[in-house]
Amino acid sequence: MNAPAWRVWLVVALMCGWGILTIRFIQKENVPFAILCALLLVSNGVTLWRLTRRGR
């Protein structure tokens, strides 16, 4: 693993939070904030992939 375990868990927790917020904003029909949270979820997903990929 390329990153310390605490950083991986932090990114996972952030992804959970952004996912929950995305669902909540979709339920409340607040589209701009739902899109923003979804973008942040994807961004954290890319960060998690970069932190955990092997061979570097």
PDB file of N, CA and C in Angstrom:
ATOM      1  N   MET A   1       0.854  -1.175   0.000  1.00  0.00           N
ATOM      2  CA  MET A   1       0.000   0.000   0.000  1.00  0.00           C
ATOM      3  C   MET A   1       0.898   1.236   0.000  1.00  0.00           C
ATOM      4  N   ASN A   2       0.484   2.232  -0.728  1.00  0.00           N
ATOM      5  CA  ASN A   2       1.297   3.434  -0.887  1.00  0.00           C
ATOM      6  C   ASN A   2       1.002   4.507   0.160  1.00  0.00           C
ATOM      7  N   ALA A   3      -0.077   4.383   0.873  1.00  0.00           N
ATOM      8  CA  ALA A   3      -0.477   5.425   1.811  1.00  0.00           C
ATOM      9  C   ALA A   3      -0.678   4.810   3.194  1.00  0.00           C
ATOM     10  N   PRO A   4      -0.568   5.650   4.233  1.00  0.00           N
ATOM     11  CA  PRO A   4      -0.847   5.141   5.582  1.00  0.00           C
ATOM     12  C   PRO A   4      -2.319   4.738   5.707  1.00  0.00           C
ATOM     13  N   ALA A   5      -2.561   3.783   6.570  1.00  0.00           N
ATOM     14  CA  ALA A   5      -3.921   3.250   6.726  1.00  0.00           C
ATOM     15  C   ALA A   5      -4.915   4.329   7.151  1.00  0.00           C
ATOM     16  N   TRP A   6      -4.494   5.265   7.993  1.00  0.00           N
ATOM     17  CA  TRP A   6      -5.426   6.289   8.461  1.00  0.00           C
ATOM     18  C   TRP A   6      -5.916   7.154   7.306  1.00  0.00           C
ATOM     19  N   ARG A   7      -5.063   7.380   6.314  1.00  0.00           N
ATOM     20  CA  ARG A   7      -5.482   8.220   5.177  1.00  0.00           C
ATOM     21  C   ARG A   7      -6.486   7.489   4.298  1.00  0.00           C
ATOM     22  N   VAL A   8      -6.273   6.196   4.123  1.00  0.00           N
ATOM     23  CA  VAL A   8      -7.226   5.395   3.347  1.00  0.00           C
ATOM     24  C   VAL A   8      -8.585   5.400   4.043  1.00  0.00           C
ATOM     25  N   TRP A   9      -8.593   5.183   5.358  1.00  0.00           N
ATOM     26  CA  TRP A   9      -9.862   5.178   6.095  1.00  0.00           C
ATOM     27  C   TRP A   9     -10.526   6.543   6.080  1.00  0.00           C
ATOM     28  N   LEU A  10      -9.745   7.608   6.118  1.00  0.00           N
ATOM     29  CA  LEU A  10     -10.311   8.959   6.043  1.00  0.00           C
ATOM     30  C   LEU A  10     -11.017   9.167   4.711  1.00  0.00           C
ATOM     31  N   VAL A  11     -10.395   8.755   3.618  1.00  0.00           N
ATOM     32  CA  VAL A  11     -11.006   8.914   2.301  1.00  0.00           C
ATOM     33  C   VAL A  11     -12.263   8.053   2.189  1.00  0.00           C
ATOM     34  N   VAL A  12     -12.229   6.843   2.753  1.00  0.00           N
ATOM     35  CA  VAL A  12     -13.418   5.985   2.739  1.00  0.00           C
ATOM     36  C   VAL A  12     -14.556   6.651   3.517  1.00  0.00           C
ATOM     37  N   ALA A  13     -14.243   7.227   4.673  1.00  0.00           N
ATOM     38  CA  ALA A  13     -15.269   7.906   5.472  1.00  0.00           C
ATOM     39  C   ALA A  13     -15.834   9.108   4.717  1.00  0.00           C
ATOM     40  N   LEU A  14     -14.970   9.864   4.045  1.00  0.00           N
ATOM     41  CA  LEU A  14     -15.444  10.997   3.255  1.00  0.00           C
ATOM     42  C   LEU A  14     -16.353  10.533   2.118  1.00  0.00           C
ATOM     43  N   MET A  15     -15.992   9.417   1.485  1.00  0.00           N
ATOM     44  CA  MET A  15     -16.833   8.898   0.406  1.00  0.00           C
ATOM     45  C   MET A  15     -18.214   8.494   0.937  1.00  0.00           C
ATOM     46  N   CYS A  16     -18.246   7.881   2.107  1.00  0.00           N
ATOM     47  CA  CYS A  16     -19.535   7.518   2.712  1.00  0.00           C
ATOM     48  C   CYS A  16     -20.374   8.770   2.983  1.00  0.00           C
ATOM     49  N   GLY A  17     -19.733   9.780   3.520  1.00  0.00           N
ATOM     50  CA  GLY A  17     -20.436  11.030   3.813  1.00  0.00           C
ATOM     51  C   GLY A  17     -20.977  11.700   2.559  1.00  0.00           C
ATOM     52  N   TRP A  18     -20.154  11.788   1.518  1.00  0.00           N
ATOM     53  CA  TRP A  18     -20.621  12.422   0.275  1.00  0.00           C
ATOM     54  C   TRP A  18     -21.735  11.611  -0.364  1.00  0.00           C
ATOM     55  N   GLY A  19     -21.642  10.285  -0.275  1.00  0.00           N
ATOM     56  CA  GLY A  19     -22.709   9.443  -0.819  1.00  0.00           C
ATOM     57  C   GLY A  19     -24.029   9.665  -0.096  1.00  0.00           C
ATOM     58  N   ILE A  20     -23.970   9.733   1.228  1.00  0.00           N
ATOM     59  CA  ILE A  20     -25.177   9.970   2.026  1.00  0.00           C
ATOM     60  C   ILE A  20     -25.770  11.329   1.698  1.00  0.00           C
ATOM     61  N   LEU A  21     -24.915  12.345   1.608  1.00  0.00           N
ATOM     62  CA  LEU A  21     -25.410  13.688   1.274  1.00  0.00           C
ATOM     63  C   LEU A  21     -26.002  13.736  -0.124  1.00  0.00           C
ATOM     64  N   THR A  22     -25.400  13.019  -1.063  1.00  0.00           N
ATOM     65  CA  THR A  22     -25.945  12.979  -2.424  1.00  0.00           C
ATOM     66  C   THR A  22     -27.352  12.413  -2.410  1.00  0.00           C
ATOM     67  N   ILE A  23     -27.547  11.307  -1.690  1.00  0.00           N
ATOM     68  CA  ILE A  23     -28.869  10.696  -1.613  1.00  0.00           C
ATOM     69  C   ILE A  23     -29.869  11.642  -0.960  1.00  0.00           C
ATOM     70  N   ARG A  24     -29.442  12.306   0.112  1.00  0.00           N
ATOM     71  CA  ARG A  24     -30.343  13.234   0.816  1.00  0.00           C
ATOM     72  C   ARG A  24     -30.764  14.397  -0.073  1.00  0.00           C
ATOM     73  N   PHE A  25     -29.813  14.967  -0.828  1.00  0.00           N
ATOM     74  CA  PHE A  25     -30.146  16.095  -1.694  1.00  0.00           C
ATOM     75  C   PHE A  25     -31.015  15.659  -2.864  1.00  0.00           C
ATOM     76  N   ILE A  26     -30.827  14.429  -3.351  1.00  0.00           N
ATOM     77  CA  ILE A  26     -31.697  13.920  -4.414  1.00  0.00           C
ATOM     78  C   ILE A  26     -33.124  13.764  -3.873  1.00  0.00           C
ATOM     79  N   GLN A  27     -33.248  13.264  -2.654  1.00  0.00           N
ATOM     80  CA  GLN A  27     -34.575  13.095  -2.051  1.00  0.00           C
ATOM     81  C   GLN A  27     -35.270  14.435  -1.850  1.00  0.00           C
ATOM     82  N   LYS A  28     -34.485  15.460  -1.531  1.00  0.00           N
ATOM     83  CA  LYS A  28     -35.059  16.786  -1.306  1.00  0.00           C
ATOM     84  C   LYS A  28     -35.172  17.587  -2.604  1.00  0.00           C
ATOM     85  N   GLU A  29     -34.821  16.957  -3.728  1.00  0.00           N
ATOM     86  CA  GLU A  29     -34.887  17.561  -5.056  1.00  0.00           C
ATOM     87  C   GLU A  29     -34.041  18.827  -5.162  1.00  0.00           C
ATOM     88  N   ASN A  30     -32.900  18.813  -4.504  1.00  0.00           N
ATOM     89  CA  ASN A  30     -31.952  19.917  -4.572  1.00  0.00           C
ATOM     90  C   ASN A  30     -30.820  19.488  -5.520  1.00  0.00           C
ATOM     91  N   VAL A  31     -31.061  19.671  -6.810  1.00  0.00           N
ATOM     92  CA  VAL A  31     -30.185  19.116  -7.833  1.00  0.00           C
ATOM     93  C   VAL A  31     -28.765  19.705  -7.808  1.00  0.00           C
ATOM     94  N   PRO A  32     -28.577  21.013  -7.679  1.00  0.00           N
ATOM     95  CA  PRO A  32     -27.195  21.533  -7.702  1.00  0.00           C
ATOM     96  C   PRO A  32     -26.306  20.944  -6.610  1.00  0.00           C
ATOM     97  N   PHE A  33     -26.840  20.832  -5.400  1.00  0.00           N
ATOM     98  CA  PHE A  33     -26.043  20.270  -4.314  1.00  0.00           C
ATOM     99  C   PHE A  33     -25.842  18.770  -4.497  1.00  0.00           C
ATOM    100  N   ALA A  34     -26.823  18.091  -5.079  1.00  0.00           N
ATOM    101  CA  ALA A  34     -26.669  16.665  -5.351  1.00  0.00           C
ATOM    102  C   ALA A  34     -25.549  16.446  -6.361  1.00  0.00           C
ATOM    103  N   ILE A  35     -25.498  17.273  -7.392  1.00  0.00           N
ATOM    104  CA  ILE A  35     -24.430  17.159  -8.392  1.00  0.00           C
ATOM    105  C   ILE A  35     -23.077  17.454  -7.766  1.00  0.00           C
ATOM    106  N   LEU A  36     -23.011  18.488  -6.924  1.00  0.00           N
ATOM    107  CA  LEU A  36     -21.758  18.833  -6.253  1.00  0.00           C
ATOM    108  C   LEU A  36     -21.269  17.687  -5.372  1.00  0.00           C
ATOM    109  N   CYS A  37     -22.161  17.113  -4.591  1.00  0.00           N
ATOM    110  CA  CYS A  37     -21.775  16.005  -3.713  1.00  0.00           C
ATOM    111  C   CYS A  37     -21.364  14.780  -4.525  1.00  0.00           C
ATOM    112  N   ALA A  38     -22.059  14.544  -5.640  1.00  0.00           N
ATOM    113  CA  ALA A  38     -21.697  13.406  -6.489  1.00  0.00           C
ATOM    114  C   ALA A  38     -20.304  13.609  -7.084  1.00  0.00           C
ATOM    115  N   LEU A  39     -19.986  14.831  -7.489  1.00  0.00           N
ATOM    116  CA  LEU A  39     -18.646  15.120  -8.014  1.00  0.00           C
ATOM    117  C   LEU A  39     -17.578  14.919  -6.943  1.00  0.00           C
ATOM    118  N   LEU A  40     -17.849  15.340  -5.729  1.00  0.00           N
ATOM    119  CA  LEU A  40     -16.901  15.140  -4.640  1.00  0.00           C
ATOM    120  C   LEU A  40     -16.755  13.661  -4.298  1.00  0.00           C
ATOM    121  N   LEU A  41     -17.846  12.901  -4.411  1.00  0.00           N
ATOM    122  CA  LEU A  41     -17.789  11.456  -4.205  1.00  0.00           C
ATOM    123  C   LEU A  41     -16.872  10.804  -5.241  1.00  0.00           C
ATOM    124  N   VAL A  42     -17.035  11.186  -6.498  1.00  0.00           N
ATOM    125  CA  VAL A  42     -16.190  10.630  -7.563  1.00  0.00           C
ATOM    126  C   VAL A  42     -14.737  11.050  -7.361  1.00  0.00           C
ATOM    127  N   SER A  43     -14.521  12.299  -6.982  1.00  0.00           N
ATOM    128  CA  SER A  43     -13.164  12.786  -6.740  1.00  0.00           C
ATOM    129  C   SER A  43     -12.477  11.991  -5.637  1.00  0.00           C
ATOM    130  N   ASN A  44     -13.198  11.727  -4.557  1.00  0.00           N
ATOM    131  CA  ASN A  44     -12.627  10.920  -3.473  1.00  0.00           C
ATOM    132  C   ASN A  44     -12.424   9.481  -3.900  1.00  0.00           C
ATOM    133  N   GLY A  45     -13.273   8.981  -4.779  1.00  0.00           N
ATOM    134  CA  GLY A  45     -13.090   7.638  -5.308  1.00  0.00           C
ATOM    135  C   GLY A  45     -11.803   7.524  -6.112  1.00  0.00           C
ATOM    136  N   VAL A  46     -11.523   8.536  -6.909  1.00  0.00           N
ATOM    137  CA  VAL A  46     -10.267   8.560  -7.669  1.00  0.00           C
ATOM    138  C   VAL A  46      -9.079   8.642  -6.719  1.00  0.00           C
ATOM    139  N   THR A  47      -9.198   9.457  -5.690  1.00  0.00           N
ATOM    140  CA  THR A  47      -8.125   9.566  -4.696  1.00  0.00           C
ATOM    141  C   THR A  47      -7.889   8.226  -4.016  1.00  0.00           C
ATOM    142  N   LEU A  48      -8.968   7.536  -3.648  1.00  0.00           N
ATOM    143  CA  LEU A  48      -8.833   6.227  -3.014  1.00  0.00           C
ATOM    144  C   LEU A  48      -8.156   5.244  -3.956  1.00  0.00           C
ATOM    145  N   TRP A  49      -8.524   5.271  -5.226  1.00  0.00           N
ATOM    146  CA  TRP A  49      -7.904   4.378  -6.202  1.00  0.00           C
ATOM    147  C   TRP A  49      -6.405   4.675  -6.316  1.00  0.00           C
ATOM    148  N   ARG A  50      -6.050   5.944  -6.343  1.00  0.00           N
ATOM    149  CA  ARG A  50      -4.630   6.317  -6.447  1.00  0.00           C
ATOM    150  C   ARG A  50      -3.857   5.904  -5.193  1.00  0.00           C
ATOM    151  N   LEU A  51      -4.485   6.005  -4.037  1.00  0.00           N
ATOM    152  CA  LEU A  51      -3.804   5.640  -2.783  1.00  0.00           C
ATOM    153  C   LEU A  51      -3.595   4.143  -2.655  1.00  0.00           C
ATOM    154  N   THR A  52      -4.483   3.352  -3.242  1.00  0.00           N
ATOM    155  CA  THR A  52      -4.438   1.910  -2.980  1.00  0.00           C
ATOM    156  C   THR A  52      -3.928   1.089  -4.165  1.00  0.00           C
ATOM    157  N   ARG A  53      -3.678   1.702  -5.309  1.00  0.00           N
ATOM    158  CA  ARG A  53      -3.198   0.882  -6.421  1.00  0.00           C
ATOM    159  C   ARG A  53      -1.764   0.442  -6.150  1.00  0.00           C
ATOM    160  N   ARG A  54      -1.458  -0.709  -6.685  1.00  0.00           N
ATOM    161  CA  ARG A  54      -0.142  -1.310  -6.418  1.00  0.00           C
ATOM    162  C   ARG A  54       0.767  -1.149  -7.627  1.00  0.00           C
ATOM    163  N   GLY A  55       2.035  -1.437  -7.429  1.00  0.00           N
ATOM    164  CA  GLY A  55       2.982  -1.422  -8.522  1.00  0.00           C
ATOM    165  C   GLY A  55       3.653  -0.095  -8.775  1.00  0.00           C
ATOM    166  N   ARG A  56       3.520   0.832  -7.823  1.00  0.00           N
ATOM    167  CA  ARG A  56       4.170   2.129  -8.017  1.00  0.00           C
ATOM    168  C   ARG A  56       5.233   2.342  -6.975  1.00  0.00           C
TER     169      ARG A  56
END
